[in-house]
PDB file of N, CA and C in Angstrom:
ATOM      1  N   UNK A   1      22.181 -42.738 -39.402  1.00  0.00           N
ATOM      2  CA  UNK A   1      22.882 -41.619 -38.843  1.00  0.00           C
ATOM      3  C   UNK A   1      22.286 -41.296 -37.471  1.00  0.00           C
ATOM      4  N   UNK A   2      23.121 -41.039 -36.480  1.00  0.00           N
ATOM      5  CA  UNK A   2      22.711 -40.725 -35.116  1.00  0.00           C
ATOM      6  C   UNK A   2      22.489 -39.216 -35.004  1.00  0.00           C
ATOM      7  N   UNK A   3      21.282 -38.847 -34.604  1.00  0.00           N
ATOM      8  CA  UNK A   3      20.904 -37.436 -34.541  1.00  0.00           C
ATOM      9  C   UNK A   3      21.079 -36.933 -33.104  1.00  0.00           C
ATOM     10  N   UNK A   4      21.990 -35.984 -32.897  1.00  0.00           N
ATOM     11  CA  UNK A   4      22.220 -35.411 -31.575  1.00  0.00           C
ATOM     12  C   UNK A   4      21.918 -33.917 -31.640  1.00  0.00           C
ATOM     13  N   UNK A   5      20.999 -33.441 -30.779  1.00  0.00           N
ATOM     14  CA  UNK A   5      20.689 -32.020 -30.732  1.00  0.00           C
ATOM     15  C   UNK A   5      19.333 -31.709 -31.343  1.00  0.00           C
ATOM     16  N   UNK A   6      19.044 -30.422 -31.417  1.00  0.00           N
ATOM     17  CA  UNK A   6      17.758 -29.943 -31.909  1.00  0.00           C
ATOM     18  C   UNK A   6      17.952 -29.250 -33.239  1.00  0.00           C
ATOM     19  N   UNK A   7      16.908 -29.262 -34.024  1.00  0.00           N
ATOM     20  CA  UNK A   7      16.964 -28.533 -35.292  1.00  0.00           C
ATOM     21  C   UNK A   7      16.625 -27.072 -35.032  1.00  0.00           C
ATOM     22  N   UNK A   8      16.925 -26.249 -36.022  1.00  0.00           N
ATOM     23  CA  UNK A   8      16.646 -24.823 -35.916  1.00  0.00           C
ATOM     24  C   UNK A   8      15.146 -24.569 -35.781  1.00  0.00           C
ATOM     25  N   UNK A   9      14.335 -25.325 -36.451  1.00  0.00           N
ATOM     26  CA  UNK A   9      12.877 -25.164 -36.386  1.00  0.00           C
ATOM     27  C   UNK A   9      12.370 -25.483 -34.986  1.00  0.00           C
ATOM     28  N   UNK A  10      12.900 -26.513 -34.358  1.00  0.00           N
ATOM     29  CA  UNK A  10      12.480 -26.856 -33.002  1.00  0.00           C
ATOM     30  C   UNK A  10      12.865 -25.756 -32.011  1.00  0.00           C
ATOM     31  N   UNK A  11      14.062 -25.218 -32.160  1.00  0.00           N
ATOM     32  CA  UNK A  11      14.490 -24.138 -31.279  1.00  0.00           C
ATOM     33  C   UNK A  11      13.634 -22.893 -31.476  1.00  0.00           C
ATOM     34  N   UNK A  12      13.299 -22.559 -32.702  1.00  0.00           N
ATOM     35  CA  UNK A  12      12.439 -21.408 -32.974  1.00  0.00           C
ATOM     36  C   UNK A  12      11.035 -21.617 -32.407  1.00  0.00           C
ATOM     37  N   UNK A  13      10.526 -22.825 -32.484  1.00  0.00           N
ATOM     38  CA  UNK A  13       9.206 -23.118 -31.938  1.00  0.00           C
ATOM     39  C   UNK A  13       9.198 -22.914 -30.415  1.00  0.00           C
ATOM     40  N   UNK A  14      10.251 -23.345 -29.740  1.00  0.00           N
ATOM     41  CA  UNK A  14      10.353 -23.166 -28.298  1.00  0.00           C
ATOM     42  C   UNK A  14      10.436 -21.678 -27.963  1.00  0.00           C
ATOM     43  N   UNK A  15      11.206 -20.915 -28.734  1.00  0.00           N
ATOM     44  CA  UNK A  15      11.314 -19.479 -28.498  1.00  0.00           C
ATOM     45  C   UNK A  15       9.982 -18.771 -28.708  1.00  0.00           C
ATOM     46  N   UNK A  16       9.223 -19.175 -29.701  1.00  0.00           N
ATOM     47  CA  UNK A  16       7.914 -18.563 -29.946  1.00  0.00           C
ATOM     48  C   UNK A  16       6.969 -18.859 -28.790  1.00  0.00           C
ATOM     49  N   UNK A  17       6.982 -20.081 -28.314  1.00  0.00           N
ATOM     50  CA  UNK A  17       6.107 -20.455 -27.191  1.00  0.00           C
ATOM     51  C   UNK A  17       6.498 -19.675 -25.935  1.00  0.00           C
ATOM     52  N   UNK A  18       7.783 -19.578 -25.655  1.00  0.00           N
ATOM     53  CA  UNK A  18       8.235 -18.825 -24.483  1.00  0.00           C
ATOM     54  C   UNK A  18       7.885 -17.344 -24.616  1.00  0.00           C
ATOM     55  N   UNK A  19       7.979 -16.798 -25.803  1.00  0.00           N
ATOM     56  CA  UNK A  19       7.617 -15.397 -26.023  1.00  0.00           C
ATOM     57  C   UNK A  19       6.134 -15.168 -25.774  1.00  0.00           C
ATOM     58  N   UNK A  20       5.297 -16.094 -26.210  1.00  0.00           N
ATOM     59  CA  UNK A  20       3.854 -15.971 -25.966  1.00  0.00           C
ATOM     60  C   UNK A  20       3.532 -16.048 -24.479  1.00  0.00           C
ATOM     61  N   UNK A  21       4.180 -16.943 -23.780  1.00  0.00           N
ATOM     62  CA  UNK A  21       3.954 -17.066 -22.344  1.00  0.00           C
ATOM     63  C   UNK A  21       4.390 -15.783 -21.633  1.00  0.00           C
ATOM     64  N   UNK A  22       5.538 -15.242 -22.030  1.00  0.00           N
ATOM     65  CA  UNK A  22       6.019 -14.003 -21.420  1.00  0.00           C
ATOM     66  C   UNK A  22       5.085 -12.839 -21.736  1.00  0.00           C
ATOM     67  N   UNK A  23       4.575 -12.769 -22.953  1.00  0.00           N
ATOM     68  CA  UNK A  23       3.664 -11.689 -23.342  1.00  0.00           C
ATOM     69  C   UNK A  23       2.358 -11.754 -22.565  1.00  0.00           C
ATOM     70  N   UNK A  24       1.941 -12.931 -22.192  1.00  0.00           N
ATOM     71  CA  UNK A  24       0.707 -13.085 -21.411  1.00  0.00           C
ATOM     72  C   UNK A  24       0.964 -12.795 -19.929  1.00  0.00           C
ATOM     73  N   UNK A  25       2.081 -13.256 -19.399  1.00  0.00           N
ATOM     74  CA  UNK A  25       2.356 -13.142 -17.963  1.00  0.00           C
ATOM     75  C   UNK A  25       2.826 -11.757 -17.535  1.00  0.00           C
ATOM     76  N   UNK A  26       3.577 -11.061 -18.364  1.00  0.00           N
ATOM     77  CA  UNK A  26       4.167  -9.786 -17.968  1.00  0.00           C
ATOM     78  C   UNK A  26       3.123  -8.763 -17.502  1.00  0.00           C
ATOM     79  N   UNK A  27       2.038  -8.531 -18.243  1.00  0.00           N
ATOM     80  CA  UNK A  27       1.045  -7.558 -17.761  1.00  0.00           C
ATOM     81  C   UNK A  27       0.394  -7.968 -16.441  1.00  0.00           C
ATOM     82  N   UNK A  28       0.163  -9.258 -16.269  1.00  0.00           N
ATOM     83  CA  UNK A  28      -0.452  -9.718 -15.025  1.00  0.00           C
ATOM     84  C   UNK A  28       0.489  -9.525 -13.845  1.00  0.00           C
ATOM     85  N   UNK A  29       1.757  -9.821 -14.027  1.00  0.00           N
ATOM     86  CA  UNK A  29       2.728  -9.653 -12.948  1.00  0.00           C
ATOM     87  C   UNK A  29       2.894  -8.172 -12.620  1.00  0.00           C
ATOM     88  N   UNK A  30       2.964  -7.325 -13.638  1.00  0.00           N
ATOM     89  CA  UNK A  30       3.095  -5.888 -13.424  1.00  0.00           C
ATOM     90  C   UNK A  30       1.891  -5.332 -12.670  1.00  0.00           C
ATOM     91  N   UNK A  31       0.698  -5.769 -13.047  1.00  0.00           N
ATOM     92  CA  UNK A  31      -0.520  -5.317 -12.376  1.00  0.00           C
ATOM     93  C   UNK A  31      -0.523  -5.756 -10.911  1.00  0.00           C
ATOM     94  N   UNK A  32      -0.108  -6.982 -10.643  1.00  0.00           N
ATOM     95  CA  UNK A  32      -0.060  -7.492  -9.281  1.00  0.00           C
ATOM     96  C   UNK A  32       0.929  -6.699  -8.435  1.00  0.00           C
ATOM     97  N   UNK A  33       2.089  -6.400  -8.988  1.00  0.00           N
ATOM     98  CA  UNK A  33       3.095  -5.625  -8.250  1.00  0.00           C
ATOM     99  C   UNK A  33       2.563  -4.231  -7.938  1.00  0.00           C
ATOM    100  N   UNK A  34       1.934  -3.583  -8.911  1.00  0.00           N
ATOM    101  CA  UNK A  34       1.387  -2.241  -8.683  1.00  0.00           C
ATOM    102  C   UNK A  34       0.268  -2.255  -7.651  1.00  0.00           C
ATOM    103  N   UNK A  35      -0.587  -3.273  -7.676  1.00  0.00           N
ATOM    104  CA  UNK A  35      -1.652  -3.396  -6.674  1.00  0.00           C
ATOM    105  C   UNK A  35      -1.076  -3.576  -5.274  1.00  0.00           C
ATOM    106  N   UNK A  36      -0.038  -4.383  -5.153  1.00  0.00           N
ATOM    107  CA  UNK A  36       0.574  -4.608  -3.847  1.00  0.00           C
ATOM    108  C   UNK A  36       1.265  -3.351  -3.324  1.00  0.00           C
ATOM    109  N   UNK A  37       1.889  -2.584  -4.227  1.00  0.00           N
ATOM    110  CA  UNK A  37       2.504  -1.322  -3.806  1.00  0.00           C
ATOM    111  C   UNK A  37       1.438  -0.353  -3.317  1.00  0.00           C
ATOM    112  N   UNK A  38       0.293  -0.331  -3.995  1.00  0.00           N
ATOM    113  CA  UNK A  38      -0.801   0.547  -3.584  1.00  0.00           C
ATOM    114  C   UNK A  38      -1.343   0.135  -2.215  1.00  0.00           C
ATOM    115  N   UNK A  39      -1.521  -1.162  -2.012  1.00  0.00           N
ATOM    116  CA  UNK A  39      -1.999  -1.655  -0.717  1.00  0.00           C
ATOM    117  C   UNK A  39      -1.003  -1.356   0.394  1.00  0.00           C
ATOM    118  N   UNK A  40       0.280  -1.514   0.105  1.00  0.00           N
ATOM    119  CA  UNK A  40       1.307  -1.232   1.101  1.00  0.00           C
ATOM    120  C   UNK A  40       1.331   0.252   1.444  1.00  0.00           C
ATOM    121  N   UNK A  41       1.138   1.089   0.448  1.00  0.00           N
ATOM    122  CA  UNK A  41       1.097   2.528   0.686  1.00  0.00           C
ATOM    123  C   UNK A  41      -0.068   2.893   1.602  1.00  0.00           C
ATOM    124  N   UNK A  42      -1.237   2.318   1.355  1.00  0.00           N
ATOM    125  CA  UNK A  42      -2.401   2.564   2.223  1.00  0.00           C
ATOM    126  C   UNK A  42      -2.157   2.046   3.637  1.00  0.00           C
ATOM    127  N   UNK A  43      -1.511   0.893   3.742  1.00  0.00           N
ATOM    128  CA  UNK A  43      -1.202   0.336   5.059  1.00  0.00           C
ATOM    129  C   UNK A  43      -0.233   1.247   5.819  1.00  0.00           C
ATOM    130  N   UNK A  44       0.745   1.793   5.109  1.00  0.00           N
ATOM    131  CA  UNK A  44       1.693   2.708   5.736  1.00  0.00           C
ATOM    132  C   UNK A  44       0.978   3.962   6.228  1.00  0.00           C
ATOM    133  N   UNK A  45       0.067   4.498   5.411  1.00  0.00           N
ATOM    134  CA  UNK A  45      -0.691   5.687   5.804  1.00  0.00           C
ATOM    135  C   UNK A  45      -1.542   5.395   7.032  1.00  0.00           C
ATOM    136  N   UNK A  46      -2.175   4.230   7.074  1.00  0.00           N
ATOM    137  CA  UNK A  46      -2.975   3.854   8.245  1.00  0.00           C
ATOM    138  C   UNK A  46      -2.105   3.717   9.493  1.00  0.00           C
ATOM    139  N   UNK A  47      -0.892   3.213   9.325  1.00  0.00           N
ATOM    140  CA  UNK A  47       0.034   3.079  10.440  1.00  0.00           C
ATOM    141  C   UNK A  47       0.444   4.454  10.968  1.00  0.00           C
ATOM    142  N   UNK A  48       0.658   5.402  10.055  1.00  0.00           N
ATOM    143  CA  UNK A  48       1.022   6.761  10.445  1.00  0.00           C
ATOM    144  C   UNK A  48      -0.147   7.420  11.183  1.00  0.00           C
ATOM    145  N   UNK A  49      -1.368   7.234  10.677  1.00  0.00           N
ATOM    146  CA  UNK A  49      -2.552   7.803  11.323  1.00  0.00           C
ATOM    147  C   UNK A  49      -2.752   7.195  12.710  1.00  0.00           C
ATOM    148  N   UNK A  50      -2.522   5.908  12.829  1.00  0.00           N
ATOM    149  CA  UNK A  50      -2.643   5.253  14.134  1.00  0.00           C
ATOM    150  C   UNK A  50      -1.627   5.820  15.130  1.00  0.00           C
ATOM    151  N   UNK A  51      -0.415   6.051  14.674  1.00  0.00           N
ATOM    152  CA  UNK A  51       0.599   6.655  15.549  1.00  0.00           C
ATOM    153  C   UNK A  51       0.191   8.074  15.932  1.00  0.00           C
ATOM    154  N   UNK A  52      -0.416   8.815  14.998  1.00  0.00           N
ATOM    155  CA  UNK A  52      -0.877  10.171  15.295  1.00  0.00           C
ATOM    156  C   UNK A  52      -2.002  10.144  16.331  1.00  0.00           C
ATOM    157  N   UNK A  53      -2.872   9.159  16.250  1.00  0.00           N
ATOM    158  CA  UNK A  53      -3.941   9.035  17.251  1.00  0.00           C
ATOM    159  C   UNK A  53      -3.353   8.788  18.631  1.00  0.00           C
ATOM    160  N   UNK A  54      -2.343   7.945  18.707  1.00  0.00           N
ATOM    161  CA  UNK A  54      -1.673   7.705  19.991  1.00  0.00           C
ATOM    162  C   UNK A  54      -0.983   8.973  20.486  1.00  0.00           C
ATOM    163  N   UNK A  55      -0.413   9.727  19.567  1.00  0.00           N
ATOM    164  CA  UNK A  55       0.247  10.989  19.916  1.00  0.00           C
ATOM    165  C   UNK A  55      -0.756  11.969  20.503  1.00  0.00           C
ATOM    166  N   UNK A  56      -1.922  12.090  19.858  1.00  0.00           N
ATOM    167  CA  UNK A  56      -2.965  13.015  20.326  1.00  0.00           C
ATOM    168  C   UNK A  56      -3.497  12.572  21.678  1.00  0.00           C
ATOM    169  N   UNK A  57      -3.590  11.261  21.891  1.00  0.00           N
ATOM    170  CA  UNK A  57      -4.102  10.760  23.166  1.00  0.00           C
ATOM    171  C   UNK A  57      -3.164  11.087  24.326  1.00  0.00           C
ATOM    172  N   UNK A  58      -1.880  11.251  24.032  1.00  0.00           N
ATOM    173  CA  UNK A  58      -0.937  11.501  25.117  1.00  0.00           C
ATOM    174  C   UNK A  58      -0.420  12.941  25.156  1.00  0.00           C
ATOM    175  N   UNK A  59      -0.792  13.757  24.186  1.00  0.00           N
ATOM    176  CA  UNK A  59      -0.283  15.118  24.101  1.00  0.00           C
ATOM    177  C   UNK A  59      -1.436  16.076  23.834  1.00  0.00           C
ATOM    178  N   UNK A  60      -1.327  17.271  24.332  1.00  0.00           N
ATOM    179  CA  UNK A  60      -2.333  18.294  24.060  1.00  0.00           C
ATOM    180  C   UNK A  60      -2.037  18.898  22.691  1.00  0.00           C
ATOM    181  N   UNK A  61      -3.048  18.883  21.807  1.00  0.00           N
ATOM    182  CA  UNK A  61      -2.881  19.457  20.472  1.00  0.00           C
ATOM    183  C   UNK A  61      -3.956  20.509  20.242  1.00  0.00           C
ATOM    184  N   UNK A  62      -3.686  21.394  19.295  1.00  0.00           N
ATOM    185  CA  UNK A  62      -4.647  22.427  18.951  1.00  0.00           C
ATOM    186  C   UNK A  62      -5.744  21.896  18.049  1.00  0.00           C
ATOM    187  N   UNK A  63      -6.662  22.788  17.667  1.00  0.00           N
ATOM    188  CA  UNK A  63      -7.777  22.366  16.813  1.00  0.00           C
ATOM    189  C   UNK A  63      -7.325  21.973  15.417  1.00  0.00           C
ATOM    190  N   UNK A  64      -6.437  22.720  14.837  1.00  0.00           N
ATOM    191  CA  UNK A  64      -5.908  22.413  13.505  1.00  0.00           C
ATOM    192  C   UNK A  64      -4.395  22.316  13.602  1.00  0.00           C
ATOM    193  N   UNK A  65      -3.922  21.111  13.570  1.00  0.00           N
ATOM    194  CA  UNK A  65      -2.486  20.895  13.707  1.00  0.00           C
ATOM    195  C   UNK A  65      -2.048  19.824  12.726  1.00  0.00           C
ATOM    196  N   UNK A  66      -0.808  19.899  12.300  1.00  0.00           N
ATOM    197  CA  UNK A  66      -0.241  18.896  11.411  1.00  0.00           C
ATOM    198  C   UNK A  66       0.983  18.300  12.101  1.00  0.00           C
ATOM    199  N   UNK A  67       0.986  16.997  12.245  1.00  0.00           N
ATOM    200  CA  UNK A  67       2.083  16.304  12.903  1.00  0.00           C
ATOM    201  C   UNK A  67       2.879  15.571  11.838  1.00  0.00           C
ATOM    202  N   UNK A  68       4.147  15.866  11.732  1.00  0.00           N
ATOM    203  CA  UNK A  68       4.993  15.244  10.717  1.00  0.00           C
ATOM    204  C   UNK A  68       5.423  13.847  11.147  1.00  0.00           C
ATOM    205  N   UNK A  69       5.839  13.066  10.177  1.00  0.00           N
ATOM    206  CA  UNK A  69       6.326  11.716  10.463  1.00  0.00           C
ATOM    207  C   UNK A  69       7.576  11.797  11.330  1.00  0.00           C
ATOM    208  N   UNK A  70       8.435  12.761  11.051  1.00  0.00           N
ATOM    209  CA  UNK A  70       9.661  12.888  11.854  1.00  0.00           C
ATOM    210  C   UNK A  70       9.336  13.243  13.308  1.00  0.00           C
ATOM    211  N   UNK A  71       8.280  14.043  13.532  1.00  0.00           N
ATOM    212  CA  UNK A  71       7.875  14.355  14.900  1.00  0.00           C
ATOM    213  C   UNK A  71       7.345  13.113  15.610  1.00  0.00           C
ATOM    214  N   UNK A  72       6.606  12.285  14.896  1.00  0.00           N
ATOM    215  CA  UNK A  72       6.105  11.035  15.481  1.00  0.00           C
ATOM    216  C   UNK A  72       7.260  10.100  15.803  1.00  0.00           C
ATOM    217  N   UNK A  73       8.281  10.084  14.952  1.00  0.00           N
ATOM    218  CA  UNK A  73       9.439   9.228  15.197  1.00  0.00           C
ATOM    219  C   UNK A  73      10.261   9.740  16.372  1.00  0.00           C
ATOM    220  N   UNK A  74      10.460  11.054  16.444  1.00  0.00           N
ATOM    221  CA  UNK A  74      11.261  11.592  17.544  1.00  0.00           C
ATOM    222  C   UNK A  74      10.539  11.484  18.886  1.00  0.00           C
ATOM    223  N   UNK A  75       9.193  11.445  18.842  1.00  0.00           N
ATOM    224  CA  UNK A  75       8.416  11.289  20.074  1.00  0.00           C
ATOM    225  C   UNK A  75       8.314   9.839  20.509  1.00  0.00           C
ATOM    226  N   UNK A  76       8.744   8.919  19.656  1.00  0.00           N
ATOM    227  CA  UNK A  76       8.718   7.495  20.007  1.00  0.00           C
ATOM    228  C   UNK A  76       7.439   6.778  19.608  1.00  0.00           C
ATOM    229  N   UNK A  77       6.585   7.410  18.826  1.00  0.00           N
ATOM    230  CA  UNK A  77       5.340   6.762  18.404  1.00  0.00           C
ATOM    231  C   UNK A  77       5.508   5.953  17.126  1.00  0.00           C
ATOM    232  N   UNK A  78       6.593   6.186  16.411  1.00  0.00           N
ATOM    233  CA  UNK A  78       6.943   5.406  15.218  1.00  0.00           C
ATOM    234  C   UNK A  78       8.421   5.051  15.299  1.00  0.00           C
ATOM    235  N   UNK A  79       8.752   3.850  14.882  1.00  0.00           N
ATOM    236  CA  UNK A  79      10.153   3.464  14.779  1.00  0.00           C
ATOM    237  C   UNK A  79      10.743   4.092  13.519  1.00  0.00           C
ATOM    238  N   UNK A  80      12.026   4.351  13.525  1.00  0.00           N
ATOM    239  CA  UNK A  80      12.670   5.026  12.403  1.00  0.00           C
ATOM    240  C   UNK A  80      12.551   4.230  11.100  1.00  0.00           C
ATOM    241  N   UNK A  81      12.620   2.910  11.154  1.00  0.00           N
ATOM    242  CA  UNK A  81      12.570   2.101   9.940  1.00  0.00           C
ATOM    243  C   UNK A  81      11.197   1.553   9.603  1.00  0.00           C
ATOM    244  N   UNK A  82      10.179   1.899  10.385  1.00  0.00           N
ATOM    245  CA  UNK A  82       8.842   1.343  10.160  1.00  0.00           C
ATOM    246  C   UNK A  82       8.191   1.837   8.883  1.00  0.00           C
ATOM    247  N   UNK A  83       8.367   3.084   8.576  1.00  0.00           N
ATOM    248  CA  UNK A  83       7.656   3.691   7.464  1.00  0.00           C
ATOM    249  C   UNK A  83       8.599   3.866   6.289  1.00  0.00           C
ATOM    250  N   UNK A  84       8.302   3.148   5.203  1.00  0.00           N
ATOM    251  CA  UNK A  84       9.089   3.254   3.976  1.00  0.00           C
ATOM    252  C   UNK A  84       8.143   3.382   2.801  1.00  0.00           C
ATOM    253  N   UNK A  85       8.531   4.192   1.860  1.00  0.00           N
ATOM    254  CA  UNK A  85       7.740   4.368   0.649  1.00  0.00           C
ATOM    255  C   UNK A  85       7.849   3.100  -0.191  1.00  0.00           C
ATOM    256  N   UNK A  86       6.730   2.524  -0.653  1.00  0.00           N
ATOM    257  CA  UNK A  86       6.786   1.309  -1.464  1.00  0.00           C
ATOM    258  C   UNK A  86       7.548   1.497  -2.774  1.00  0.00           C
ATOM    259  N   UNK A  87       7.667   2.730  -3.225  1.00  0.00           N
ATOM    260  CA  UNK A  87       8.375   2.993  -4.473  1.00  0.00           C
ATOM    261  C   UNK A  87       9.850   3.290  -4.224  1.00  0.00           C
ATOM    262  N   UNK A  88      10.307   3.090  -3.030  1.00  0.00           N
ATOM    263  CA  UNK A  88      11.702   3.352  -2.677  1.00  0.00           C
ATOM    264  C   UNK A  88      11.814   4.629  -1.863  1.00  0.00           C
ATOM    265  N   UNK A  89      12.821   4.699  -1.037  1.00  0.00           N
ATOM    266  CA  UNK A  89      13.011   5.898  -0.226  1.00  0.00           C
ATOM    267  C   UNK A  89      12.175   5.865   1.036  1.00  0.00           C
ATOM    268  N   UNK A  90      11.930   7.042   1.578  1.00  0.00           N
ATOM    269  CA  UNK A  90      11.131   7.153   2.783  1.00  0.00           C
ATOM    270  C   UNK A  90       9.927   8.049   2.521  1.00  0.00           C
ATOM    271  N   UNK A  91       8.879   7.831   3.260  1.00  0.00           N
ATOM    272  CA  UNK A  91       7.679   8.649   3.114  1.00  0.00           C
ATOM    273  C   UNK A  91       7.873   9.943   3.886  1.00  0.00           C
ATOM    274  N   UNK A  92       7.348  11.010   3.313  1.00  0.00           N
ATOM    275  CA  UNK A  92       7.400  12.297   3.998  1.00  0.00           C
ATOM    276  C   UNK A  92       5.969  12.774   4.200  1.00  0.00           C
ATOM    277  N   UNK A  93       5.825  13.853   4.883  1.00  0.00           N
ATOM    278  CA  UNK A  93       4.489  14.379   5.128  1.00  0.00           C
ATOM    279  C   UNK A  93       4.093  14.170   6.568  1.00  0.00           C
ATOM    280  N   UNK A  94       2.807  14.046   6.778  1.00  0.00           N
ATOM    281  CA  UNK A  94       2.324  13.870   8.134  1.00  0.00           C
ATOM    282  C   UNK A  94       0.822  13.717   8.180  1.00  0.00           C
ATOM    283  N   UNK A  95       0.279  13.953   9.358  1.00  0.00           N
ATOM    284  CA  UNK A  95      -1.148  13.785   9.587  1.00  0.00           C
ATOM    285  C   UNK A  95      -1.741  15.133   9.984  1.00  0.00           C
ATOM    286  N   UNK A  96      -2.749  15.535   9.254  1.00  0.00           N
ATOM    287  CA  UNK A  96      -3.469  16.766   9.574  1.00  0.00           C
ATOM    288  C   UNK A  96      -4.583  16.407  10.543  1.00  0.00           C
ATOM    289  N   UNK A  97      -4.591  17.098  11.677  1.00  0.00           N
ATOM    290  CA  UNK A  97      -5.578  16.816  12.720  1.00  0.00           C
ATOM    291  C   UNK A  97      -6.503  18.016  12.829  1.00  0.00           C
ATOM    292  N   UNK A  98      -7.793  17.750  12.693  1.00  0.00           N
ATOM    293  CA  UNK A  98      -8.792  18.811  12.836  1.00  0.00           C
ATOM    294  C   UNK A  98      -9.862  18.353  13.823  1.00  0.00           C
ATOM    295  N   UNK A  99     -10.471  19.309  14.487  1.00  0.00           N
ATOM    296  CA  UNK A  99     -11.532  19.014  15.442  1.00  0.00           C
ATOM    297  C   UNK A  99     -12.878  19.195  14.754  1.00  0.00           C
ATOM    298  N   UNK A 100     -13.743  18.191  14.870  1.00  0.00           N
ATOM    299  CA  UNK A 100     -15.089  18.247  14.295  1.00  0.00           C
ATOM    300  C   UNK A 100     -16.083  18.452  15.430  1.00  0.00           C
ATOM    301  N   UNK A 101     -16.663  19.649  15.498  1.00  0.00           N
ATOM    302  CA  UNK A 101     -17.607  19.963  16.575  1.00  0.00           C
ATOM    303  C   UNK A 101     -18.885  19.130  16.481  1.00  0.00           C
ATOM    304  N   UNK A 102     -19.331  18.861  15.250  1.00  0.00           N
ATOM    305  CA  UNK A 102     -20.589  18.125  15.101  1.00  0.00           C
ATOM    306  C   UNK A 102     -20.483  16.694  15.623  1.00  0.00           C
ATOM    307  N   UNK A 103     -19.317  16.091  15.466  1.00  0.00           N
ATOM    308  CA  UNK A 103     -19.120  14.717  15.946  1.00  0.00           C
ATOM    309  C   UNK A 103     -18.370  14.666  17.268  1.00  0.00           C
ATOM    310  N   UNK A 104     -17.875  15.831  17.712  1.00  0.00           N
ATOM    311  CA  UNK A 104     -17.144  15.937  18.966  1.00  0.00           C
ATOM    312  C   UNK A 104     -15.937  14.987  19.002  1.00  0.00           C
ATOM    313  N   UNK A 105     -15.152  15.025  17.915  1.00  0.00           N
ATOM    314  CA  UNK A 105     -13.973  14.176  17.830  1.00  0.00           C
ATOM    315  C   UNK A 105     -12.950  14.772  16.876  1.00  0.00           C
ATOM    316  N   UNK A 106     -11.735  14.258  16.965  1.00  0.00           N
ATOM    317  CA  UNK A 106     -10.694  14.661  16.033  1.00  0.00           C
ATOM    318  C   UNK A 106     -10.846  13.883  14.726  1.00  0.00           C
ATOM    319  N   UNK A 107     -10.509  14.537  13.633  1.00  0.00           N
ATOM    320  CA  UNK A 107     -10.448  13.877  12.328  1.00  0.00           C
ATOM    321  C   UNK A 107      -8.994  13.837  11.896  1.00  0.00           C
ATOM    322  N   UNK A 108      -8.574  12.706  11.346  1.00  0.00           N
ATOM    323  CA  UNK A 108      -7.183  12.504  10.953  1.00  0.00           C
ATOM    324  C   UNK A 108      -7.124  12.275   9.451  1.00  0.00           C
ATOM    325  N   UNK A 109      -6.162  12.957   8.808  1.00  0.00           N
ATOM    326  CA  UNK A 109      -5.995  12.805   7.363  1.00  0.00           C
ATOM    327  C   UNK A 109      -4.511  12.844   7.032  1.00  0.00           C
ATOM    328  N   UNK A 110      -4.038  11.845   6.294  1.00  0.00           N
ATOM    329  CA  UNK A 110      -2.646  11.849   5.864  1.00  0.00           C
ATOM    330  C   UNK A 110      -2.485  12.869   4.758  1.00  0.00           C
ATOM    331  N   UNK A 111      -1.476  13.726   4.878  1.00  0.00           N
ATOM    332  CA  UNK A 111      -1.177  14.722   3.851  1.00  0.00           C
ATOM    333  C   UNK A 111       0.284  14.567   3.427  1.00  0.00           C
ATOM    334  N   UNK A 112       0.559  14.902   2.181  1.00  0.00           N
ATOM    335  CA  UNK A 112       1.901  14.755   1.644  1.00  0.00           C
ATOM    336  C   UNK A 112       2.929  15.679   2.251  1.00  0.00           C
ATOM    337  N   UNK A 113       2.475  16.846   2.699  1.00  0.00           N
ATOM    338  CA  UNK A 113       3.411  17.784   3.338  1.00  0.00           C
ATOM    339  C   UNK A 113       2.672  18.580   4.405  1.00  0.00           C
ATOM    340  N   UNK A 114       3.382  18.864   5.465  1.00  0.00           N
ATOM    341  CA  UNK A 114       2.812  19.666   6.561  1.00  0.00           C
ATOM    342  C   UNK A 114       3.365  21.056   6.523  1.00  0.00           C
TER     343      UNK A 114
END
């Protein structure tokens, strides 16, 4: 008799093996995606802070001021599509600028809202 195809046991064995591979890979892939989103978020914040530093270098600011992302974009220090939230949407907030007398320099900190 000519045997064409797979038996039910062979198909079940393949499904079990694929399920084990998926169970092992899924957590690793999820962790990698979350790590990359976190790194991208930090990179975006650094980009916003860098734009704020350029803004301060060309504009007179007070001792305690908060510059929003939209203000940086309207001033031309950030492109409209440059800053995106890694989790979807757009990032909001801005950079809080304070003057440190002991170091004689501005300090920059990204804040969620200004």
